[in-house]
Amino acid sequence: MSLVTTHILDNADGDPASGVVVTLSDSTGQQIASGTTDDDGRVADLGPETLPPGTYRLHFQTGAYFSAKGVTTFFPEVTISFTVSEAAHYHVPLLLSPYAFSTYRGS
């Protein structure tokens, strides 16, 4: 399993958000890895097994997801910054709707 994983739940309909492209980048904007959410809304293998301490970003291309559903959204993309401080598993979920989103540190 990679050090960073994520999943997306579409809170508007209560289903996982599949087919969303997610990229992981460092603080300089250098892309480290990318993946696409599966039928369960998850990207289980996003990048290397180790990352040096620092700030990283997950970028979710949510506009294409909503467009494919025929739904207008205020957030065509979502970027979440987080800090890696030690060699541990970092699970960063995204709770999404067309006009709101939230996140937390998962397990």
PDB file of N, CA and C in Angstrom:
ATOM      1  N   MET A   1       0.851  -1.187   0.000  1.00  0.00           N
ATOM      2  CA  MET A   1       0.000   0.000   0.000  1.00  0.00           C
ATOM      3  C   MET A   1       0.889   1.240   0.000  1.00  0.00           C
ATOM      4  N   SER A   2       0.465   2.246  -0.723  1.00  0.00           N
ATOM      5  CA  SER A   2       1.242   3.477  -0.756  1.00  0.00           C
ATOM      6  C   SER A   2       1.036   4.276   0.524  1.00  0.00           C
ATOM      7  N   LEU A   3       1.872   5.247   0.723  1.00  0.00           N
ATOM      8  CA  LEU A   3       1.818   6.092   1.912  1.00  0.00           C
ATOM      9  C   LEU A   3       0.569   6.963   1.930  1.00  0.00           C
ATOM     10  N   VAL A   4       0.111   7.404   0.749  1.00  0.00           N
ATOM     11  CA  VAL A   4      -1.043   8.295   0.645  1.00  0.00           C
ATOM     12  C   VAL A   4      -2.164   7.576  -0.098  1.00  0.00           C
ATOM     13  N   THR A   5      -3.353   7.585   0.508  1.00  0.00           N
ATOM     14  CA  THR A   5      -4.542   7.042  -0.135  1.00  0.00           C
ATOM     15  C   THR A   5      -5.678   8.048   0.028  1.00  0.00           C
ATOM     16  N   THR A   6      -6.720   7.878  -0.762  1.00  0.00           N
ATOM     17  CA  THR A   6      -7.863   8.786  -0.673  1.00  0.00           C
ATOM     18  C   THR A   6      -9.122   8.063  -1.126  1.00  0.00           C
ATOM     19  N   HIS A   7     -10.234   8.621  -0.778  1.00  0.00           N
ATOM     20  CA  HIS A   7     -11.509   8.201  -1.355  1.00  0.00           C
ATOM     21  C   HIS A   7     -12.442   9.400  -1.378  1.00  0.00           C
ATOM     22  N   ILE A   8     -13.446   9.317  -2.257  1.00  0.00           N
ATOM     23  CA  ILE A   8     -14.401  10.413  -2.408  1.00  0.00           C
ATOM     24  C   ILE A   8     -15.808   9.853  -2.246  1.00  0.00           C
ATOM     25  N   LEU A   9     -16.570  10.505  -1.378  1.00  0.00           N
ATOM     26  CA  LEU A   9     -17.986  10.193  -1.225  1.00  0.00           C
ATOM     27  C   LEU A   9     -18.785  11.386  -1.729  1.00  0.00           C
ATOM     28  N   ASP A  10     -19.668  11.131  -2.670  1.00  0.00           N
ATOM     29  CA  ASP A  10     -20.566  12.166  -3.173  1.00  0.00           C
ATOM     30  C   ASP A  10     -21.705  12.290  -2.166  1.00  0.00           C
ATOM     31  N   ASN A  11     -21.660  13.315  -1.337  1.00  0.00           N
ATOM     32  CA  ASN A  11     -22.671  13.491  -0.287  1.00  0.00           C
ATOM     33  C   ASN A  11     -24.046  13.848  -0.834  1.00  0.00           C
ATOM     34  N   ALA A  12     -24.113  14.315  -2.067  1.00  0.00           N
ATOM     35  CA  ALA A  12     -25.408  14.689  -2.638  1.00  0.00           C
ATOM     36  C   ALA A  12     -26.280  13.461  -2.897  1.00  0.00           C
ATOM     37  N   ASP A  13     -25.634  12.345  -3.275  1.00  0.00           N
ATOM     38  CA  ASP A  13     -26.427  11.140  -3.526  1.00  0.00           C
ATOM     39  C   ASP A  13     -26.010   9.950  -2.658  1.00  0.00           C
ATOM     40  N   GLY A  14     -24.988  10.140  -1.826  1.00  0.00           N
ATOM     41  CA  GLY A  14     -24.572   9.088  -0.896  1.00  0.00           C
ATOM     42  C   GLY A  14     -23.778   7.962  -1.514  1.00  0.00           C
ATOM     43  N   ASP A  15     -23.302   8.157  -2.721  1.00  0.00           N
ATOM     44  CA  ASP A  15     -22.546   7.121  -3.422  1.00  0.00           C
ATOM     45  C   ASP A  15     -21.075   7.497  -3.540  1.00  0.00           C
ATOM     46  N   PRO A  16     -20.213   6.493  -3.709  1.00  0.00           N
ATOM     47  CA  PRO A  16     -18.806   6.786  -3.996  1.00  0.00           C
ATOM     48  C   PRO A  16     -18.697   7.517  -5.336  1.00  0.00           C
ATOM     49  N   ALA A  17     -17.725   8.411  -5.433  1.00  0.00           N
ATOM     50  CA  ALA A  17     -17.492   9.148  -6.680  1.00  0.00           C
ATOM     51  C   ALA A  17     -16.419   8.417  -7.481  1.00  0.00           C
ATOM     52  N   SER A  18     -16.841   7.693  -8.486  1.00  0.00           N
ATOM     53  CA  SER A  18     -15.894   6.944  -9.315  1.00  0.00           C
ATOM     54  C   SER A  18     -15.487   7.756 -10.536  1.00  0.00           C
ATOM     55  N   GLY A  19     -14.299   7.451 -11.046  1.00  0.00           N
ATOM     56  CA  GLY A  19     -13.817   8.081 -12.270  1.00  0.00           C
ATOM     57  C   GLY A  19     -13.213   9.459 -12.092  1.00  0.00           C
ATOM     58  N   VAL A  20     -12.889   9.854 -10.857  1.00  0.00           N
ATOM     59  CA  VAL A  20     -12.284  11.166 -10.612  1.00  0.00           C
ATOM     60  C   VAL A  20     -10.768  11.034 -10.660  1.00  0.00           C
ATOM     61  N   VAL A  21     -10.130  11.858 -11.470  1.00  0.00           N
ATOM     62  CA  VAL A  21      -8.672  11.871 -11.550  1.00  0.00           C
ATOM     63  C   VAL A  21      -8.122  12.633 -10.355  1.00  0.00           C
ATOM     64  N   VAL A  22      -7.138  12.031  -9.684  1.00  0.00           N
ATOM     65  CA  VAL A  22      -6.511  12.603  -8.496  1.00  0.00           C
ATOM     66  C   VAL A  22      -5.008  12.625  -8.713  1.00  0.00           C
ATOM     67  N   THR A  23      -4.379  13.760  -8.431  1.00  0.00           N
ATOM     68  CA  THR A  23      -2.923  13.839  -8.520  1.00  0.00           C
ATOM     69  C   THR A  23      -2.349  14.225  -7.163  1.00  0.00           C
ATOM     70  N   LEU A  24      -1.170  13.705  -6.895  1.00  0.00           N
ATOM     71  CA  LEU A  24      -0.412  14.032  -5.696  1.00  0.00           C
ATOM     72  C   LEU A  24       0.811  14.816  -6.137  1.00  0.00           C
ATOM     73  N   SER A  25       1.030  15.980  -5.509  1.00  0.00           N
ATOM     74  CA  SER A  25       2.197  16.792  -5.849  1.00  0.00           C
ATOM     75  C   SER A  25       2.863  17.297  -4.576  1.00  0.00           C
ATOM     76  N   ASP A  26       4.104  17.736  -4.735  1.00  0.00           N
ATOM     77  CA  ASP A  26       4.821  18.294  -3.591  1.00  0.00           C
ATOM     78  C   ASP A  26       4.593  19.801  -3.522  1.00  0.00           C
ATOM     79  N   SER A  27       5.255  20.459  -2.585  1.00  0.00           N
ATOM     80  CA  SER A  27       5.014  21.888  -2.355  1.00  0.00           C
ATOM     81  C   SER A  27       5.465  22.767  -3.512  1.00  0.00           C
ATOM     82  N   THR A  28       6.300  22.249  -4.396  1.00  0.00           N
ATOM     83  CA  THR A  28       6.734  23.022  -5.563  1.00  0.00           C
ATOM     84  C   THR A  28       5.787  22.849  -6.746  1.00  0.00           C
ATOM     85  N   GLY A  29       4.815  21.946  -6.605  1.00  0.00           N
ATOM     86  CA  GLY A  29       3.883  21.663  -7.694  1.00  0.00           C
ATOM     87  C   GLY A  29       4.317  20.499  -8.558  1.00  0.00           C
ATOM     88  N   GLN A  30       5.444  19.881  -8.228  1.00  0.00           N
ATOM     89  CA  GLN A  30       5.933  18.720  -8.987  1.00  0.00           C
ATOM     90  C   GLN A  30       5.011  17.526  -8.748  1.00  0.00           C
ATOM     91  N   GLN A  31       4.441  16.991  -9.813  1.00  0.00           N
ATOM     92  CA  GLN A  31       3.554  15.841  -9.678  1.00  0.00           C
ATOM     93  C   GLN A  31       4.351  14.610  -9.286  1.00  0.00           C
ATOM     94  N   ILE A  32       3.869  13.910  -8.270  1.00  0.00           N
ATOM     95  CA  ILE A  32       4.518  12.697  -7.777  1.00  0.00           C
ATOM     96  C   ILE A  32       3.801  11.461  -8.296  1.00  0.00           C
ATOM     97  N   ALA A  33       2.470  11.514  -8.322  1.00  0.00           N
ATOM     98  CA  ALA A  33       1.678  10.358  -8.740  1.00  0.00           C
ATOM     99  C   ALA A  33       0.287  10.816  -9.143  1.00  0.00           C
ATOM    100  N   SER A  34      -0.417   9.938  -9.829  1.00  0.00           N
ATOM    101  CA  SER A  34      -1.819  10.207 -10.149  1.00  0.00           C
ATOM    102  C   SER A  34      -2.567   8.891 -10.212  1.00  0.00           C
ATOM    103  N   GLY A  35      -3.870   8.991 -10.095  1.00  0.00           N
ATOM    104  CA  GLY A  35      -4.723   7.814 -10.177  1.00  0.00           C
ATOM    105  C   GLY A  35      -6.146   8.257 -10.423  1.00  0.00           C
ATOM    106  N   THR A  36      -7.018   7.294 -10.621  1.00  0.00           N
ATOM    107  CA  THR A  36      -8.425   7.554 -10.860  1.00  0.00           C
ATOM    108  C   THR A  36      -9.236   6.739  -9.859  1.00  0.00           C
ATOM    109  N   THR A  37     -10.242   7.371  -9.256  1.00  0.00           N
ATOM    110  CA  THR A  37     -11.035   6.646  -8.268  1.00  0.00           C
ATOM    111  C   THR A  37     -11.767   5.470  -8.921  1.00  0.00           C
ATOM    112  N   ASP A  38     -11.783   4.360  -8.191  1.00  0.00           N
ATOM    113  CA  ASP A  38     -12.437   3.145  -8.672  1.00  0.00           C
ATOM    114  C   ASP A  38     -13.938   3.187  -8.375  1.00  0.00           C
ATOM    115  N   ASP A  39     -14.622   2.082  -8.577  1.00  0.00           N
ATOM    116  CA  ASP A  39     -16.076   2.030  -8.370  1.00  0.00           C
ATOM    117  C   ASP A  39     -16.471   2.298  -6.928  1.00  0.00           C
ATOM    118  N   ASP A  40     -15.524   2.121  -5.999  1.00  0.00           N
ATOM    119  CA  ASP A  40     -15.773   2.401  -4.587  1.00  0.00           C
ATOM    120  C   ASP A  40     -15.299   3.809  -4.209  1.00  0.00           C
ATOM    121  N   GLY A  41     -14.911   4.616  -5.213  1.00  0.00           N
ATOM    122  CA  GLY A  41     -14.479   5.993  -4.973  1.00  0.00           C
ATOM    123  C   GLY A  41     -13.078   6.100  -4.388  1.00  0.00           C
ATOM    124  N   ARG A  42     -12.287   5.037  -4.504  1.00  0.00           N
ATOM    125  CA  ARG A  42     -10.976   4.993  -3.842  1.00  0.00           C
ATOM    126  C   ARG A  42      -9.816   4.988  -4.828  1.00  0.00           C
ATOM    127  N   VAL A  43      -8.717   5.584  -4.368  1.00  0.00           N
ATOM    128  CA  VAL A  43      -7.424   5.428  -5.026  1.00  0.00           C
ATOM    129  C   VAL A  43      -6.515   4.835  -3.955  1.00  0.00           C
ATOM    130  N   ALA A  44      -6.265   3.543  -4.061  1.00  0.00           N
ATOM    131  CA  ALA A  44      -5.516   2.832  -3.023  1.00  0.00           C
ATOM    132  C   ALA A  44      -4.007   2.869  -3.255  1.00  0.00           C
ATOM    133  N   ASP A  45      -3.593   3.222  -4.448  1.00  0.00           N
ATOM    134  CA  ASP A  45      -2.163   3.222  -4.753  1.00  0.00           C
ATOM    135  C   ASP A  45      -1.798   4.562  -5.370  1.00  0.00           C
ATOM    136  N   LEU A  46      -1.495   5.530  -4.525  1.00  0.00           N
ATOM    137  CA  LEU A  46      -1.206   6.880  -4.995  1.00  0.00           C
ATOM    138  C   LEU A  46       0.214   7.259  -4.586  1.00  0.00           C
ATOM    139  N   GLY A  47       1.150   6.847  -5.392  1.00  0.00           N
ATOM    140  CA  GLY A  47       2.511   7.290  -5.161  1.00  0.00           C
ATOM    141  C   GLY A  47       3.370   6.321  -4.397  1.00  0.00           C
ATOM    142  N   PRO A  48       4.508   6.816  -3.981  1.00  0.00           N
ATOM    143  CA  PRO A  48       5.526   5.971  -3.355  1.00  0.00           C
ATOM    144  C   PRO A  48       5.133   5.523  -1.950  1.00  0.00           C
ATOM    145  N   GLU A  49       5.873   4.529  -1.463  1.00  0.00           N
ATOM    146  CA  GLU A  49       5.644   4.028  -0.112  1.00  0.00           C
ATOM    147  C   GLU A  49       6.264   4.928   0.947  1.00  0.00           C
ATOM    148  N   THR A  50       7.158   5.817   0.539  1.00  0.00           N
ATOM    149  CA  THR A  50       7.764   6.768   1.478  1.00  0.00           C
ATOM    150  C   THR A  50       7.813   8.146   0.847  1.00  0.00           C
ATOM    151  N   LEU A  51       7.638   9.151   1.671  1.00  0.00           N
ATOM    152  CA  LEU A  51       7.770  10.546   1.255  1.00  0.00           C
ATOM    153  C   LEU A  51       8.556  11.272   2.334  1.00  0.00           C
ATOM    154  N   PRO A  52       9.440  12.173   1.948  1.00  0.00           N
ATOM    155  CA  PRO A  52      10.122  12.960   2.965  1.00  0.00           C
ATOM    156  C   PRO A  52       9.144  13.913   3.647  1.00  0.00           C
ATOM    157  N   PRO A  53       9.419  14.287   4.883  1.00  0.00           N
ATOM    158  CA  PRO A  53       8.546  15.256   5.553  1.00  0.00           C
ATOM    159  C   PRO A  53       8.380  16.515   4.708  1.00  0.00           C
ATOM    160  N   GLY A  54       7.176  17.060   4.724  1.00  0.00           N
ATOM    161  CA  GLY A  54       6.902  18.272   3.960  1.00  0.00           C
ATOM    162  C   GLY A  54       5.425  18.434   3.685  1.00  0.00           C
ATOM    163  N   THR A  55       5.121  19.439   2.894  1.00  0.00           N
ATOM    164  CA  THR A  55       3.744  19.730   2.515  1.00  0.00           C
ATOM    165  C   THR A  55       3.464  19.122   1.149  1.00  0.00           C
ATOM    166  N   TYR A  56       2.311  18.505   1.035  1.00  0.00           N
ATOM    167  CA  TYR A  56       1.891  17.862  -0.206  1.00  0.00           C
ATOM    168  C   TYR A  56       0.469  18.297  -0.524  1.00  0.00           C
ATOM    169  N   ARG A  57       0.072  18.061  -1.792  1.00  0.00           N
ATOM    170  CA  ARG A  57      -1.260  18.448  -2.228  1.00  0.00           C
ATOM    171  C   ARG A  57      -1.918  17.309  -3.005  1.00  0.00           C
ATOM    172  N   LEU A  58      -3.169  17.096  -2.700  1.00  0.00           N
ATOM    173  CA  LEU A  58      -4.003  16.221  -3.515  1.00  0.00           C
ATOM    174  C   LEU A  58      -4.919  17.124  -4.335  1.00  0.00           C
ATOM    175  N   HIS A  59      -4.938  16.896  -5.627  1.00  0.00           N
ATOM    176  CA  HIS A  59      -5.761  17.688  -6.538  1.00  0.00           C
ATOM    177  C   HIS A  59      -6.800  16.757  -7.156  1.00  0.00           C
ATOM    178  N   PHE A  60      -8.063  17.086  -6.960  1.00  0.00           N
ATOM    179  CA  PHE A  60      -9.176  16.279  -7.447  1.00  0.00           C
ATOM    180  C   PHE A  60      -9.849  17.015  -8.606  1.00  0.00           C
ATOM    181  N   GLN A  61      -9.974  16.378  -9.754  1.00  0.00           N
ATOM    182  CA  GLN A  61     -10.615  16.983 -10.921  1.00  0.00           C
ATOM    183  C   GLN A  61     -12.116  16.666 -10.877  1.00  0.00           C
ATOM    184  N   THR A  62     -12.817  17.419 -10.059  1.00  0.00           N
ATOM    185  CA  THR A  62     -14.230  17.142  -9.782  1.00  0.00           C
ATOM    186  C   THR A  62     -15.175  17.631 -10.875  1.00  0.00           C
ATOM    187  N   GLY A  63     -14.751  18.600 -11.662  1.00  0.00           N
ATOM    188  CA  GLY A  63     -15.614  19.149 -12.711  1.00  0.00           C
ATOM    189  C   GLY A  63     -16.051  18.109 -13.717  1.00  0.00           C
ATOM    190  N   ALA A  64     -15.129  17.277 -14.171  1.00  0.00           N
ATOM    191  CA  ALA A  64     -15.458  16.238 -15.149  1.00  0.00           C
ATOM    192  C   ALA A  64     -16.424  15.215 -14.551  1.00  0.00           C
ATOM    193  N   TYR A  65     -16.250  14.923 -13.261  1.00  0.00           N
ATOM    194  CA  TYR A  65     -17.150  13.978 -12.578  1.00  0.00           C
ATOM    195  C   TYR A  65     -18.590  14.513 -12.592  1.00  0.00           C
ATOM    196  N   PHE A  66     -18.768  15.751 -12.163  1.00  0.00           N
ATOM    197  CA  PHE A  66     -20.114  16.321 -12.131  1.00  0.00           C
ATOM    198  C   PHE A  66     -20.683  16.504 -13.536  1.00  0.00           C
ATOM    199  N   SER A  67     -19.851  16.909 -14.469  1.00  0.00           N
ATOM    200  CA  SER A  67     -20.298  17.086 -15.850  1.00  0.00           C
ATOM    201  C   SER A  67     -20.841  15.775 -16.423  1.00  0.00           C
ATOM    202  N   ALA A  68     -20.149  14.679 -16.145  1.00  0.00           N
ATOM    203  CA  ALA A  68     -20.589  13.371 -16.635  1.00  0.00           C
ATOM    204  C   ALA A  68     -21.940  12.974 -16.037  1.00  0.00           C
ATOM    205  N   LYS A  69     -22.249  13.503 -14.862  1.00  0.00           N
ATOM    206  CA  LYS A  69     -23.534  13.225 -14.219  1.00  0.00           C
ATOM    207  C   LYS A  69     -24.614  14.228 -14.635  1.00  0.00           C
ATOM    208  N   GLY A  70     -24.229  15.243 -15.426  1.00  0.00           N
ATOM    209  CA  GLY A  70     -25.169  16.273 -15.836  1.00  0.00           C
ATOM    210  C   GLY A  70     -25.508  17.235 -14.714  1.00  0.00           C
ATOM    211  N   VAL A  71     -24.559  17.422 -13.787  1.00  0.00           N
ATOM    212  CA  VAL A  71     -24.773  18.259 -12.609  1.00  0.00           C
ATOM    213  C   VAL A  71     -23.853  19.475 -12.675  1.00  0.00           C
ATOM    214  N   THR A  72     -24.401  20.661 -12.426  1.00  0.00           N
ATOM    215  CA  THR A  72     -23.610  21.880 -12.347  1.00  0.00           C
ATOM    216  C   THR A  72     -22.918  21.925 -10.989  1.00  0.00           C
ATOM    217  N   THR A  73     -21.660  22.330 -10.972  1.00  0.00           N
ATOM    218  CA  THR A  73     -20.924  22.420  -9.714  1.00  0.00           C
ATOM    219  C   THR A  73     -20.232  23.766  -9.591  1.00  0.00           C
ATOM    220  N   PHE A  74     -20.065  24.203  -8.384  1.00  0.00           N
ATOM    221  CA  PHE A  74     -19.326  25.423  -8.086  1.00  0.00           C
ATOM    222  C   PHE A  74     -17.828  25.137  -7.991  1.00  0.00           C
ATOM    223  N   PHE A  75     -17.467  23.883  -7.780  1.00  0.00           N
ATOM    224  CA  PHE A  75     -16.074  23.477  -7.581  1.00  0.00           C
ATOM    225  C   PHE A  75     -15.611  22.547  -8.698  1.00  0.00           C
ATOM    226  N   PRO A  76     -15.038  23.088  -9.777  1.00  0.00           N
ATOM    227  CA  PRO A  76     -14.560  22.239 -10.859  1.00  0.00           C
ATOM    228  C   PRO A  76     -13.307  21.448 -10.475  1.00  0.00           C
ATOM    229  N   GLU A  77     -12.681  21.864  -9.385  1.00  0.00           N
ATOM    230  CA  GLU A  77     -11.526  21.138  -8.860  1.00  0.00           C
ATOM    231  C   GLU A  77     -11.407  21.434  -7.371  1.00  0.00           C
ATOM    232  N   VAL A  78     -10.794  20.502  -6.666  1.00  0.00           N
ATOM    233  CA  VAL A  78     -10.567  20.654  -5.231  1.00  0.00           C
ATOM    234  C   VAL A  78      -9.114  20.312  -4.963  1.00  0.00           C
ATOM    235  N   THR A  79      -8.426  21.166  -4.212  1.00  0.00           N
ATOM    236  CA  THR A  79      -7.048  20.896  -3.815  1.00  0.00           C
ATOM    237  C   THR A  79      -6.971  20.895  -2.296  1.00  0.00           C
ATOM    238  N   ILE A  80      -6.385  19.835  -1.768  1.00  0.00           N
ATOM    239  CA  ILE A  80      -6.221  19.693  -0.323  1.00  0.00           C
ATOM    240  C   ILE A  80      -4.730  19.629  -0.024  1.00  0.00           C
ATOM    241  N   SER A  81      -4.255  20.547   0.811  1.00  0.00           N
ATOM    242  CA  SER A  81      -2.864  20.539   1.263  1.00  0.00           C
ATOM    243  C   SER A  81      -2.794  19.847   2.611  1.00  0.00           C
ATOM    244  N   PHE A  82      -1.741  19.059   2.807  1.00  0.00           N
ATOM    245  CA  PHE A  82      -1.560  18.362   4.077  1.00  0.00           C
ATOM    246  C   PHE A  82      -0.064  18.186   4.325  1.00  0.00           C
ATOM    247  N   THR A  83       0.280  17.901   5.577  1.00  0.00           N
ATOM    248  CA  THR A  83       1.674  17.780   5.982  1.00  0.00           C
ATOM    249  C   THR A  83       2.026  16.340   6.304  1.00  0.00           C
ATOM    250  N   VAL A  84       3.089  15.857   5.706  1.00  0.00           N
ATOM    251  CA  VAL A  84       3.672  14.570   6.061  1.00  0.00           C
ATOM    252  C   VAL A  84       4.777  14.864   7.061  1.00  0.00           C
ATOM    253  N   SER A  85       4.652  14.302   8.259  1.00  0.00           N
ATOM    254  CA  SER A  85       5.640  14.579   9.297  1.00  0.00           C
ATOM    255  C   SER A  85       6.453  13.355   9.680  1.00  0.00           C
ATOM    256  N   GLU A  86       5.952  12.170   9.315  1.00  0.00           N
ATOM    257  CA  GLU A  86       6.653  10.939   9.654  1.00  0.00           C
ATOM    258  C   GLU A  86       6.238   9.856   8.670  1.00  0.00           C
ATOM    259  N   ALA A  87       6.959   8.752   8.693  1.00  0.00           N
ATOM    260  CA  ALA A  87       6.623   7.625   7.826  1.00  0.00           C
ATOM    261  C   ALA A  87       5.402   6.932   8.404  1.00  0.00           C
ATOM    262  N   ALA A  88       4.245   7.271   7.901  1.00  0.00           N
ATOM    263  CA  ALA A  88       2.980   6.707   8.359  1.00  0.00           C
ATOM    264  C   ALA A  88       2.021   6.679   7.175  1.00  0.00           C
ATOM    265  N   HIS A  89       0.900   6.027   7.343  1.00  0.00           N
ATOM    266  CA  HIS A  89      -0.116   6.018   6.299  1.00  0.00           C
ATOM    267  C   HIS A  89      -0.959   7.286   6.420  1.00  0.00           C
ATOM    268  N   TYR A  90      -1.139   7.995   5.333  1.00  0.00           N
ATOM    269  CA  TYR A  90      -1.941   9.215   5.299  1.00  0.00           C
ATOM    270  C   TYR A  90      -3.138   8.971   4.383  1.00  0.00           C
ATOM    271  N   HIS A  91      -4.315   8.871   4.999  1.00  0.00           N
ATOM    272  CA  HIS A  91      -5.548   8.689   4.234  1.00  0.00           C
ATOM    273  C   HIS A  91      -6.313  10.011   4.290  1.00  0.00           C
ATOM    274  N   VAL A  92      -6.573  10.588   3.108  1.00  0.00           N
ATOM    275  CA  VAL A  92      -7.187  11.916   3.026  1.00  0.00           C
ATOM    276  C   VAL A  92      -8.483  11.799   2.228  1.00  0.00           C
ATOM    277  N   PRO A  93      -9.616  11.590   2.898  1.00  0.00           N
ATOM    278  CA  PRO A  93     -10.896  11.467   2.212  1.00  0.00           C
ATOM    279  C   PRO A  93     -11.446  12.832   1.791  1.00  0.00           C
ATOM    280  N   LEU A  94     -12.287  12.811   0.767  1.00  0.00           N
ATOM    281  CA  LEU A  94     -12.984  14.008   0.317  1.00  0.00           C
ATOM    282  C   LEU A  94     -14.479  13.724   0.338  1.00  0.00           C
ATOM    283  N   LEU A  95     -15.215  14.531   1.077  1.00  0.00           N
ATOM    284  CA  LEU A  95     -16.681  14.474   1.085  1.00  0.00           C
ATOM    285  C   LEU A  95     -17.148  15.604   0.174  1.00  0.00           C
ATOM    286  N   LEU A  96     -17.889  15.268  -0.856  1.00  0.00           N
ATOM    287  CA  LEU A  96     -18.128  16.188  -1.958  1.00  0.00           C
ATOM    288  C   LEU A  96     -19.606  16.327  -2.279  1.00  0.00           C
ATOM    289  N   SER A  97     -20.009  17.542  -2.617  1.00  0.00           N
ATOM    290  CA  SER A  97     -21.308  17.798  -3.218  1.00  0.00           C
ATOM    291  C   SER A  97     -21.101  18.929  -4.232  1.00  0.00           C
ATOM    292  N   PRO A  98     -22.082  19.243  -5.042  1.00  0.00           N
ATOM    293  CA  PRO A  98     -21.876  20.268  -6.064  1.00  0.00           C
ATOM    294  C   PRO A  98     -21.506  21.651  -5.513  1.00  0.00           C
ATOM    295  N   TYR A  99     -21.905  21.949  -4.271  1.00  0.00           N
ATOM    296  CA  TYR A  99     -21.672  23.288  -3.735  1.00  0.00           C
ATOM    297  C   TYR A  99     -20.947  23.300  -2.394  1.00  0.00           C
ATOM    298  N   ALA A 100     -20.341  22.166  -2.029  1.00  0.00           N
ATOM    299  CA  ALA A 100     -19.598  22.114  -0.763  1.00  0.00           C
ATOM    300  C   ALA A 100     -18.653  20.910  -0.788  1.00  0.00           C
ATOM    301  N   PHE A 101     -17.613  20.994   0.024  1.00  0.00           N
ATOM    302  CA  PHE A 101     -16.749  19.840   0.248  1.00  0.00           C
ATOM    303  C   PHE A 101     -16.110  19.962   1.614  1.00  0.00           C
ATOM    304  N   SER A 102     -15.692  18.831   2.154  1.00  0.00           N
ATOM    305  CA  SER A 102     -14.942  18.809   3.404  1.00  0.00           C
ATOM    306  C   SER A 102     -13.992  17.626   3.374  1.00  0.00           C
ATOM    307  N   THR A 103     -13.071  17.623   4.320  1.00  0.00           N
ATOM    308  CA  THR A 103     -12.078  16.566   4.395  1.00  0.00           C
ATOM    309  C   THR A 103     -11.676  16.363   5.837  1.00  0.00           C
ATOM    310  N   TYR A 104     -10.910  15.323   6.082  1.00  0.00           N
ATOM    311  CA  TYR A 104     -10.392  15.025   7.411  1.00  0.00           C
ATOM    312  C   TYR A 104      -9.247  14.048   7.258  1.00  0.00           C
ATOM    313  N   ARG A 105      -8.500  13.831   8.324  1.00  0.00           N
ATOM    314  CA  ARG A 105      -7.467  12.802   8.279  1.00  0.00           C
ATOM    315  C   ARG A 105      -8.111  11.482   8.620  1.00  0.00           C
ATOM    316  N   GLY A 106      -8.144  10.582   7.677  1.00  0.00           N
ATOM    317  CA  GLY A 106      -8.737   9.278   7.884  1.00  0.00           C
ATOM    318  C   GLY A 106      -7.742   8.289   8.456  1.00  0.00           C
ATOM    319  N   SER A 107      -8.183   7.060   8.522  1.00  0.00           N
ATOM    320  CA  SER A 107      -7.307   6.017   9.051  1.00  0.00           C
ATOM    321  C   SER A 107      -7.102   4.910   8.028  1.00  0.00           C
TER     322      SER A 107
END
